[in-house]
Amino acid sequence: MLTISENAAEVIKLVLIGGDDTTETSEASGLRIAPAGDGLQASVATEPQADDQVIEESGVRVFLEAQVAEVLGDKTLDAERDDNGELALAIRD
């Protein structure tokens, strides 16, 4: 199962509470990771979809689309600063 680092949990909390005003977030909300083109896309979701794997760790919820859950099963979701100093989520072995 995907592990969520403390750094990633903090970034996810910021995303969930700091999203735009048109997205309602609740305690059931989480970050959903799904396939997008040749990569993955993360977005705020108010609830998981029917086939999503739900991971609750460090006070956050992450919803993994079924195919993504298989690929990321033994990985860690982490956060780091990119070349511009912005926080970004990253997948680690």
PDB file of N, CA and C in Angstrom:
ATOM      1  N   MET A   1       0.844  -1.182   0.000  1.00  0.00           N
ATOM      2  CA  MET A   1       0.000   0.000   0.000  1.00  0.00           C
ATOM      3  C   MET A   1       0.887   1.243   0.000  1.00  0.00           C
ATOM      4  N   LEU A   2       0.478   2.261  -0.722  1.00  0.00           N
ATOM      5  CA  LEU A   2       1.201   3.530  -0.764  1.00  0.00           C
ATOM      6  C   LEU A   2       1.336   4.103   0.640  1.00  0.00           C
ATOM      7  N   THR A   3       2.532   4.583   0.955  1.00  0.00           N
ATOM      8  CA  THR A   3       2.801   5.249   2.229  1.00  0.00           C
ATOM      9  C   THR A   3       2.837   6.747   1.988  1.00  0.00           C
ATOM     10  N   ILE A   4       2.352   7.525   2.930  1.00  0.00           N
ATOM     11  CA  ILE A   4       2.346   8.991   2.815  1.00  0.00           C
ATOM     12  C   ILE A   4       3.325   9.549   3.836  1.00  0.00           C
ATOM     13  N   SER A   5       4.345  10.277   3.356  1.00  0.00           N
ATOM     14  CA  SER A   5       5.318  10.871   4.277  1.00  0.00           C
ATOM     15  C   SER A   5       4.683  12.044   5.017  1.00  0.00           C
ATOM     16  N   GLU A   6       5.298  12.432   6.129  1.00  0.00           N
ATOM     17  CA  GLU A   6       4.806  13.596   6.881  1.00  0.00           C
ATOM     18  C   GLU A   6       4.833  14.854   6.004  1.00  0.00           C
ATOM     19  N   ASN A   7       5.891  15.026   5.208  1.00  0.00           N
ATOM     20  CA  ASN A   7       5.991  16.192   4.320  1.00  0.00           C
ATOM     21  C   ASN A   7       4.847  16.214   3.320  1.00  0.00           C
ATOM     22  N   ALA A   8       4.557  15.055   2.727  1.00  0.00           N
ATOM     23  CA  ALA A   8       3.457  14.979   1.765  1.00  0.00           C
ATOM     24  C   ALA A   8       2.125  15.268   2.448  1.00  0.00           C
ATOM     25  N   ALA A   9       1.934  14.755   3.661  1.00  0.00           N
ATOM     26  CA  ALA A   9       0.689  14.999   4.390  1.00  0.00           C
ATOM     27  C   ALA A   9       0.486  16.495   4.621  1.00  0.00           C
ATOM     28  N   GLU A  10       1.550  17.196   4.965  1.00  0.00           N
ATOM     29  CA  GLU A  10       1.442  18.647   5.186  1.00  0.00           C
ATOM     30  C   GLU A  10       1.061  19.370   3.906  1.00  0.00           C
ATOM     31  N   VAL A  11       1.654  18.967   2.775  1.00  0.00           N
ATOM     32  CA  VAL A  11       1.316  19.583   1.490  1.00  0.00           C
ATOM     33  C   VAL A  11      -0.141  19.293   1.131  1.00  0.00           C
ATOM     34  N   ILE A  12      -0.583  18.067   1.330  1.00  0.00           N
ATOM     35  CA  ILE A  12      -1.967  17.706   1.024  1.00  0.00           C
ATOM     36  C   ILE A  12      -2.932  18.505   1.884  1.00  0.00           C
ATOM     37  N   LYS A  13      -2.617  18.675   3.161  1.00  0.00           N
ATOM     38  CA  LYS A  13      -3.474  19.492   4.040  1.00  0.00           C
ATOM     39  C   LYS A  13      -3.582  20.911   3.504  1.00  0.00           C
ATOM     40  N   LEU A  14      -2.463  21.477   3.065  1.00  0.00           N
ATOM     41  CA  LEU A  14      -2.479  22.834   2.500  1.00  0.00           C
ATOM     42  C   LEU A  14      -3.343  22.896   1.256  1.00  0.00           C
ATOM     43  N   VAL A  15      -3.223  21.894   0.398  1.00  0.00           N
ATOM     44  CA  VAL A  15      -4.016  21.860  -0.836  1.00  0.00           C
ATOM     45  C   VAL A  15      -5.500  21.752  -0.508  1.00  0.00           C
ATOM     46  N   LEU A  16      -5.841  20.892   0.444  1.00  0.00           N
ATOM     47  CA  LEU A  16      -7.252  20.674   0.763  1.00  0.00           C
ATOM     48  C   LEU A  16      -7.898  21.891   1.419  1.00  0.00           C
ATOM     49  N   ILE A  17      -7.177  22.596   2.279  1.00  0.00           N
ATOM     50  CA  ILE A  17      -7.790  23.762   2.930  1.00  0.00           C
ATOM     51  C   ILE A  17      -7.547  25.046   2.157  1.00  0.00           C
ATOM     52  N   GLY A  18      -6.579  25.044   1.265  1.00  0.00           N
ATOM     53  CA  GLY A  18      -6.243  26.255   0.536  1.00  0.00           C
ATOM     54  C   GLY A  18      -6.701  26.272  -0.896  1.00  0.00           C
ATOM     55  N   GLY A  19      -7.561  25.300  -1.259  1.00  0.00           N
ATOM     56  CA  GLY A  19      -8.049  25.244  -2.631  1.00  0.00           C
ATOM     57  C   GLY A  19      -8.920  26.447  -2.935  1.00  0.00           C
ATOM     58  N   ASP A  20      -9.329  26.553  -4.193  1.00  0.00           N
ATOM     59  CA  ASP A  20     -10.173  27.701  -4.561  1.00  0.00           C
ATOM     60  C   ASP A  20     -11.525  27.591  -3.879  1.00  0.00           C
ATOM     61  N   ASP A  21     -12.212  28.704  -3.821  1.00  0.00           N
ATOM     62  CA  ASP A  21     -13.467  28.782  -3.076  1.00  0.00           C
ATOM     63  C   ASP A  21     -14.613  28.018  -3.730  1.00  0.00           C
ATOM     64  N   THR A  22     -14.429  27.584  -4.989  1.00  0.00           N
ATOM     65  CA  THR A  22     -15.509  26.874  -5.659  1.00  0.00           C
ATOM     66  C   THR A  22     -15.511  25.392  -5.310  1.00  0.00           C
ATOM     67  N   THR A  23     -14.436  24.904  -4.703  1.00  0.00           N
ATOM     68  CA  THR A  23     -14.359  23.499  -4.326  1.00  0.00           C
ATOM     69  C   THR A  23     -14.648  23.362  -2.843  1.00  0.00           C
ATOM     70  N   GLU A  24     -15.752  22.701  -2.527  1.00  0.00           N
ATOM     71  CA  GLU A  24     -16.076  22.475  -1.125  1.00  0.00           C
ATOM     72  C   GLU A  24     -15.264  21.297  -0.620  1.00  0.00           C
ATOM     73  N   THR A  25     -14.629  21.489   0.514  1.00  0.00           N
ATOM     74  CA  THR A  25     -13.917  20.368   1.111  1.00  0.00           C
ATOM     75  C   THR A  25     -14.546  20.052   2.452  1.00  0.00           C
ATOM     76  N   SER A  26     -14.498  18.790   2.798  1.00  0.00           N
ATOM     77  CA  SER A  26     -15.034  18.345   4.079  1.00  0.00           C
ATOM     78  C   SER A  26     -14.064  17.308   4.628  1.00  0.00           C
ATOM     79  N   GLU A  27     -14.419  16.735   5.754  1.00  0.00           N
ATOM     80  CA  GLU A  27     -13.566  15.705   6.328  1.00  0.00           C
ATOM     81  C   GLU A  27     -13.493  14.485   5.430  1.00  0.00           C
ATOM     82  N   ALA A  28     -14.473  14.307   4.548  1.00  0.00           N
ATOM     83  CA  ALA A  28     -14.467  13.174   3.619  1.00  0.00           C
ATOM     84  C   ALA A  28     -13.615  13.456   2.389  1.00  0.00           C
ATOM     85  N   SER A  29     -13.207  14.709   2.197  1.00  0.00           N
ATOM     86  CA  SER A  29     -12.420  15.089   1.032  1.00  0.00           C
ATOM     87  C   SER A  29     -11.023  14.495   1.091  1.00  0.00           C
ATOM     88  N   GLY A  30     -10.419  14.422  -0.070  1.00  0.00           N
ATOM     89  CA  GLY A  30      -9.061  13.923  -0.134  1.00  0.00           C
ATOM     90  C   GLY A  30      -8.408  14.289  -1.442  1.00  0.00           C
ATOM     91  N   LEU A  31      -7.198  13.831  -1.611  1.00  0.00           N
ATOM     92  CA  LEU A  31      -6.453  14.045  -2.840  1.00  0.00           C
ATOM     93  C   LEU A  31      -6.602  12.781  -3.674  1.00  0.00           C
ATOM     94  N   ARG A  32      -7.118  12.921  -4.910  1.00  0.00           N
ATOM     95  CA  ARG A  32      -7.310  11.755  -5.781  1.00  0.00           C
ATOM     96  C   ARG A  32      -6.199  11.717  -6.813  1.00  0.00           C
ATOM     97  N   ILE A  33      -5.572  10.562  -6.954  1.00  0.00           N
ATOM     98  CA  ILE A  33      -4.517  10.376  -7.942  1.00  0.00           C
ATOM     99  C   ILE A  33      -5.027   9.389  -8.981  1.00  0.00           C
ATOM    100  N   ALA A  34      -4.973   9.826 -10.256  1.00  0.00           N
ATOM    101  CA  ALA A  34      -5.498   9.020 -11.357  1.00  0.00           C
ATOM    102  C   ALA A  34      -4.575   9.156 -12.567  1.00  0.00           C
ATOM    103  N   PRO A  35      -4.682   8.231 -13.524  1.00  0.00           N
ATOM    104  CA  PRO A  35      -3.865   8.341 -14.728  1.00  0.00           C
ATOM    105  C   PRO A  35      -4.239   9.579 -15.532  1.00  0.00           C
ATOM    106  N   ALA A  36      -3.229  10.164 -16.187  1.00  0.00           N
ATOM    107  CA  ALA A  36      -3.460  11.320 -17.055  1.00  0.00           C
ATOM    108  C   ALA A  36      -2.373  11.302 -18.129  1.00  0.00           C
ATOM    109  N   GLY A  37      -2.743  10.962 -19.346  1.00  0.00           N
ATOM    110  CA  GLY A  37      -1.756  10.883 -20.411  1.00  0.00           C
ATOM    111  C   GLY A  37      -0.711   9.839 -20.076  1.00  0.00           C
ATOM    112  N   ASP A  38       0.563  10.247 -20.106  1.00  0.00           N
ATOM    113  CA  ASP A  38       1.661   9.331 -19.789  1.00  0.00           C
ATOM    114  C   ASP A  38       2.060   9.387 -18.324  1.00  0.00           C
ATOM    115  N   GLY A  39       1.308  10.127 -17.506  1.00  0.00           N
ATOM    116  CA  GLY A  39       1.690  10.281 -16.108  1.00  0.00           C
ATOM    117  C   GLY A  39       0.503  10.145 -15.186  1.00  0.00           C
ATOM    118  N   LEU A  40       0.585  10.867 -14.082  1.00  0.00           N
ATOM    119  CA  LEU A  40      -0.464  10.857 -13.069  1.00  0.00           C
ATOM    120  C   LEU A  40      -0.932  12.274 -12.818  1.00  0.00           C
ATOM    121  N   GLN A  41      -2.171  12.397 -12.402  1.00  0.00           N
ATOM    122  CA  GLN A  41      -2.731  13.699 -12.054  1.00  0.00           C
ATOM    123  C   GLN A  41      -3.342  13.616 -10.667  1.00  0.00           C
ATOM    124  N   ALA A  42      -3.039  14.612  -9.854  1.00  0.00           N
ATOM    125  CA  ALA A  42      -3.625  14.714  -8.518  1.00  0.00           C
ATOM    126  C   ALA A  42      -4.637  15.849  -8.521  1.00  0.00           C
ATOM    127  N   SER A  43      -5.782  15.605  -7.917  1.00  0.00           N
ATOM    128  CA  SER A  43      -6.819  16.634  -7.833  1.00  0.00           C
ATOM    129  C   SER A  43      -7.579  16.472  -6.524  1.00  0.00           C
ATOM    130  N   VAL A  44      -8.193  17.553  -6.075  1.00  0.00           N
ATOM    131  CA  VAL A  44      -9.011  17.518  -4.862  1.00  0.00           C
ATOM    132  C   VAL A  44     -10.337  16.842  -5.210  1.00  0.00           C
ATOM    133  N   ALA A  45     -10.741  15.889  -4.392  1.00  0.00           N
ATOM    134  CA  ALA A  45     -12.008  15.185  -4.596  1.00  0.00           C
ATOM    135  C   ALA A  45     -12.815  15.242  -3.302  1.00  0.00           C
ATOM    136  N   THR A  46     -14.111  15.444  -3.433  1.00  0.00           N
ATOM    137  CA  THR A  46     -14.963  15.516  -2.246  1.00  0.00           C
ATOM    138  C   THR A  46     -15.205  14.140  -1.645  1.00  0.00           C
ATOM    139  N   GLU A  47     -15.030  13.085  -2.466  1.00  0.00           N
ATOM    140  CA  GLU A  47     -15.193  11.716  -1.979  1.00  0.00           C
ATOM    141  C   GLU A  47     -14.521  10.782  -2.981  1.00  0.00           C
ATOM    142  N   PRO A  48     -14.198   9.562  -2.543  1.00  0.00           N
ATOM    143  CA  PRO A  48     -13.580   8.620  -3.478  1.00  0.00           C
ATOM    144  C   PRO A  48     -14.598   8.096  -4.483  1.00  0.00           C
ATOM    145  N   GLN A  49     -14.099   7.680  -5.641  1.00  0.00           N
ATOM    146  CA  GLN A  49     -14.966   7.014  -6.608  1.00  0.00           C
ATOM    147  C   GLN A  49     -15.104   5.555  -6.206  1.00  0.00           C
ATOM    148  N   ALA A  50     -16.055   4.860  -6.787  1.00  0.00           N
ATOM    149  CA  ALA A  50     -16.423   3.508  -6.349  1.00  0.00           C
ATOM    150  C   ALA A  50     -15.246   2.538  -6.277  1.00  0.00           C
ATOM    151  N   ASP A  51     -14.343   2.558  -7.248  1.00  0.00           N
ATOM    152  CA  ASP A  51     -13.249   1.591  -7.286  1.00  0.00           C
ATOM    153  C   ASP A  51     -11.951   2.111  -6.689  1.00  0.00           C
ATOM    154  N   ASP A  52     -11.955   3.304  -6.117  1.00  0.00           N
ATOM    155  CA  ASP A  52     -10.733   3.891  -5.564  1.00  0.00           C
ATOM    156  C   ASP A  52     -10.285   3.159  -4.298  1.00  0.00           C
ATOM    157  N   GLN A  53      -8.971   3.047  -4.140  1.00  0.00           N
ATOM    158  CA  GLN A  53      -8.402   2.590  -2.873  1.00  0.00           C
ATOM    159  C   GLN A  53      -8.246   3.830  -2.000  1.00  0.00           C
ATOM    160  N   VAL A  54      -8.700   3.781  -0.771  1.00  0.00           N
ATOM    161  CA  VAL A  54      -8.631   4.930   0.134  1.00  0.00           C
ATOM    162  C   VAL A  54      -7.529   4.684   1.157  1.00  0.00           C
ATOM    163  N   ILE A  55      -6.615   5.642   1.246  1.00  0.00           N
ATOM    164  CA  ILE A  55      -5.535   5.569   2.221  1.00  0.00           C
ATOM    165  C   ILE A  55      -5.704   6.736   3.175  1.00  0.00           C
ATOM    166  N   GLU A  56      -5.791   6.445   4.462  1.00  0.00           N
ATOM    167  CA  GLU A  56      -5.879   7.477   5.487  1.00  0.00           C
ATOM    168  C   GLU A  56      -4.641   7.375   6.349  1.00  0.00           C
ATOM    169  N   GLU A  57      -3.839   8.433   6.322  1.00  0.00           N
ATOM    170  CA  GLU A  57      -2.584   8.413   7.058  1.00  0.00           C
ATOM    171  C   GLU A  57      -2.184   9.846   7.387  1.00  0.00           C
ATOM    172  N   SER A  58      -1.649  10.062   8.552  1.00  0.00           N
ATOM    173  CA  SER A  58      -1.152  11.382   8.987  1.00  0.00           C
ATOM    174  C   SER A  58      -2.212  12.472   8.859  1.00  0.00           C
ATOM    175  N   GLY A  59      -3.470  12.106   9.070  1.00  0.00           N
ATOM    176  CA  GLY A  59      -4.544  13.086   9.065  1.00  0.00           C
ATOM    177  C   GLY A  59      -5.039  13.500   7.694  1.00  0.00           C
ATOM    178  N   VAL A  60      -4.641  12.779   6.632  1.00  0.00           N
ATOM    179  CA  VAL A  60      -5.128  13.093   5.286  1.00  0.00           C
ATOM    180  C   VAL A  60      -5.668  11.830   4.627  1.00  0.00           C
ATOM    181  N   ARG A  61      -6.483  12.060   3.601  1.00  0.00           N
ATOM    182  CA  ARG A  61      -7.026  10.956   2.813  1.00  0.00           C
ATOM    183  C   ARG A  61      -6.534  11.090   1.380  1.00  0.00           C
ATOM    184  N   VAL A  62      -6.070   9.969   0.819  1.00  0.00           N
ATOM    185  CA  VAL A  62      -5.651   9.919  -0.578  1.00  0.00           C
ATOM    186  C   VAL A  62      -6.469   8.824  -1.245  1.00  0.00           C
ATOM    187  N   PHE A  63      -7.050   9.169  -2.397  1.00  0.00           N
ATOM    188  CA  PHE A  63      -7.854   8.230  -3.161  1.00  0.00           C
ATOM    189  C   PHE A  63      -7.051   7.823  -4.395  1.00  0.00           C
ATOM    190  N   LEU A  64      -6.781   6.533  -4.535  1.00  0.00           N
ATOM    191  CA  LEU A  64      -6.020   6.045  -5.678  1.00  0.00           C
ATOM    192  C   LEU A  64      -6.941   5.296  -6.633  1.00  0.00           C
ATOM    193  N   GLU A  65      -6.961   5.731  -7.880  1.00  0.00           N
ATOM    194  CA  GLU A  65      -7.686   5.026  -8.920  1.00  0.00           C
ATOM    195  C   GLU A  65      -7.113   3.599  -8.959  1.00  0.00           C
ATOM    196  N   ALA A  66      -7.916   2.604  -9.306  1.00  0.00           N
ATOM    197  CA  ALA A  66      -7.535   1.200  -9.181  1.00  0.00           C
ATOM    198  C   ALA A  66      -6.208   0.861  -9.858  1.00  0.00           C
ATOM    199  N   GLN A  67      -5.998   1.306 -11.107  1.00  0.00           N
ATOM    200  CA  GLN A  67      -4.735   1.016 -11.805  1.00  0.00           C
ATOM    201  C   GLN A  67      -3.558   1.681 -11.097  1.00  0.00           C
ATOM    202  N   VAL A  68      -3.762   2.893 -10.626  1.00  0.00           N
ATOM    203  CA  VAL A  68      -2.710   3.641  -9.932  1.00  0.00           C
ATOM    204  C   VAL A  68      -2.348   2.933  -8.631  1.00  0.00           C
ATOM    205  N   ALA A  69      -3.344   2.402  -7.931  1.00  0.00           N
ATOM    206  CA  ALA A  69      -3.097   1.701  -6.669  1.00  0.00           C
ATOM    207  C   ALA A  69      -2.171   0.511  -6.891  1.00  0.00           C
ATOM    208  N   GLU A  70      -2.334  -0.198  -8.002  1.00  0.00           N
ATOM    209  CA  GLU A  70      -1.464  -1.333  -8.304  1.00  0.00           C
ATOM    210  C   GLU A  70      -0.033  -0.881  -8.545  1.00  0.00           C
ATOM    211  N   VAL A  71       0.138   0.182  -9.312  1.00  0.00           N
ATOM    212  CA  VAL A  71       1.471   0.672  -9.668  1.00  0.00           C
ATOM    213  C   VAL A  71       2.191   1.270  -8.460  1.00  0.00           C
ATOM    214  N   LEU A  72       1.464   1.972  -7.603  1.00  0.00           N
ATOM    215  CA  LEU A  72       2.081   2.677  -6.476  1.00  0.00           C
ATOM    216  C   LEU A  72       2.059   1.884  -5.174  1.00  0.00           C
ATOM    217  N   GLY A  73       1.664   0.641  -5.232  1.00  0.00           N
ATOM    218  CA  GLY A  73       1.465  -0.167  -4.038  1.00  0.00           C
ATOM    219  C   GLY A  73       2.608  -0.196  -3.045  1.00  0.00           C
ATOM    220  N   ASP A  74       3.852  -0.195  -3.519  1.00  0.00           N
ATOM    221  CA  ASP A  74       4.992  -0.302  -2.611  1.00  0.00           C
ATOM    222  C   ASP A  74       5.810   0.986  -2.556  1.00  0.00           C
ATOM    223  N   LYS A  75       5.219   2.093  -2.968  1.00  0.00           N
ATOM    224  CA  LYS A  75       5.924   3.372  -3.057  1.00  0.00           C
ATOM    225  C   LYS A  75       5.555   4.282  -1.885  1.00  0.00           C
ATOM    226  N   THR A  76       6.251   5.425  -1.829  1.00  0.00           N
ATOM    227  CA  THR A  76       5.972   6.462  -0.829  1.00  0.00           C
ATOM    228  C   THR A  76       5.647   7.756  -1.535  1.00  0.00           C
ATOM    229  N   LEU A  77       4.577   8.403  -1.120  1.00  0.00           N
ATOM    230  CA  LEU A  77       4.240   9.738  -1.604  1.00  0.00           C
ATOM    231  C   LEU A  77       4.966  10.729  -0.714  1.00  0.00           C
ATOM    232  N   ASP A  78       5.821  11.551  -1.317  1.00  0.00           N
ATOM    233  CA  ASP A  78       6.645  12.488  -0.570  1.00  0.00           C
ATOM    234  C   ASP A  78       6.453  13.881  -1.158  1.00  0.00           C
ATOM    235  N   ALA A  79       7.039  14.871  -0.523  1.00  0.00           N
ATOM    236  CA  ALA A  79       6.984  16.247  -1.029  1.00  0.00           C
ATOM    237  C   ALA A  79       8.393  16.811  -1.037  1.00  0.00           C
ATOM    238  N   GLU A  80       8.654  17.655  -2.030  1.00  0.00           N
ATOM    239  CA  GLU A  80       9.961  18.290  -2.160  1.00  0.00           C
ATOM    240  C   GLU A  80       9.782  19.636  -2.849  1.00  0.00           C
ATOM    241  N   ARG A  81      10.787  20.448  -2.783  1.00  0.00           N
ATOM    242  CA  ARG A  81      10.765  21.725  -3.502  1.00  0.00           C
ATOM    243  C   ARG A  81      11.340  21.502  -4.890  1.00  0.00           C
ATOM    244  N   ASP A  82      10.673  22.051  -5.897  1.00  0.00           N
ATOM    245  CA  ASP A  82      11.179  21.925  -7.259  1.00  0.00           C
ATOM    246  C   ASP A  82      12.236  22.992  -7.530  1.00  0.00           C
ATOM    247  N   ASP A  83      12.694  23.095  -8.770  1.00  0.00           N
ATOM    248  CA  ASP A  83      13.748  24.045  -9.129  1.00  0.00           C
ATOM    249  C   ASP A  83      13.350  25.496  -8.891  1.00  0.00           C
ATOM    250  N   ASN A  84      12.052  25.770  -8.862  1.00  0.00           N
ATOM    251  CA  ASN A  84      11.558  27.133  -8.630  1.00  0.00           C
ATOM    252  C   ASN A  84      11.248  27.393  -7.165  1.00  0.00           C
ATOM    253  N   GLY A  85      11.515  26.407  -6.304  1.00  0.00           N
ATOM    254  CA  GLY A  85      11.241  26.572  -4.882  1.00  0.00           C
ATOM    255  C   GLY A  85       9.814  26.252  -4.478  1.00  0.00           C
ATOM    256  N   GLU A  86       9.011  25.780  -5.446  1.00  0.00           N
ATOM    257  CA  GLU A  86       7.628  25.427  -5.158  1.00  0.00           C
ATOM    258  C   GLU A  86       7.559  24.015  -4.599  1.00  0.00           C
ATOM    259  N   LEU A  87       6.638  23.788  -3.673  1.00  0.00           N
ATOM    260  CA  LEU A  87       6.422  22.438  -3.140  1.00  0.00           C
ATOM    261  C   LEU A  87       5.716  21.569  -4.168  1.00  0.00           C
ATOM    262  N   ALA A  88       6.184  20.357  -4.315  1.00  0.00           N
ATOM    263  CA  ALA A  88       5.579  19.422  -5.261  1.00  0.00           C
ATOM    264  C   ALA A  88       5.573  18.030  -4.648  1.00  0.00           C
ATOM    265  N   LEU A  89       4.559  17.260  -5.001  1.00  0.00           N
ATOM    266  CA  LEU A  89       4.497  15.874  -4.551  1.00  0.00           C
ATOM    267  C   LEU A  89       5.353  15.015  -5.465  1.00  0.00           C
ATOM    268  N   ALA A  90       5.969  13.991  -4.907  1.00  0.00           N
ATOM    269  CA  ALA A  90       6.830  13.090  -5.672  1.00  0.00           C
ATOM    270  C   ALA A  90       6.612  11.665  -5.187  1.00  0.00           C
ATOM    271  N   ILE A  91       6.798  10.715  -6.082  1.00  0.00           N
ATOM    272  CA  ILE A  91       6.700   9.300  -5.743  1.00  0.00           C
ATOM    273  C   ILE A  91       8.108   8.761  -5.551  1.00  0.00           C
ATOM    274  N   ARG A  92       8.328   8.078  -4.434  1.00  0.00           N
ATOM    275  CA  ARG A  92       9.624   7.486  -4.101  1.00  0.00           C
ATOM    276  C   ARG A  92       9.502   5.977  -3.960  1.00  0.00           C
ATOM    277  N   ASP A  93      10.591   5.286  -4.227  1.00  0.00           N
ATOM    278  CA  ASP A  93      10.621   3.824  -4.027  1.00  0.00           C
ATOM    279  C   ASP A  93      10.707   3.482  -2.563  1.00  0.00           C
TER     280      ASP A  93
END
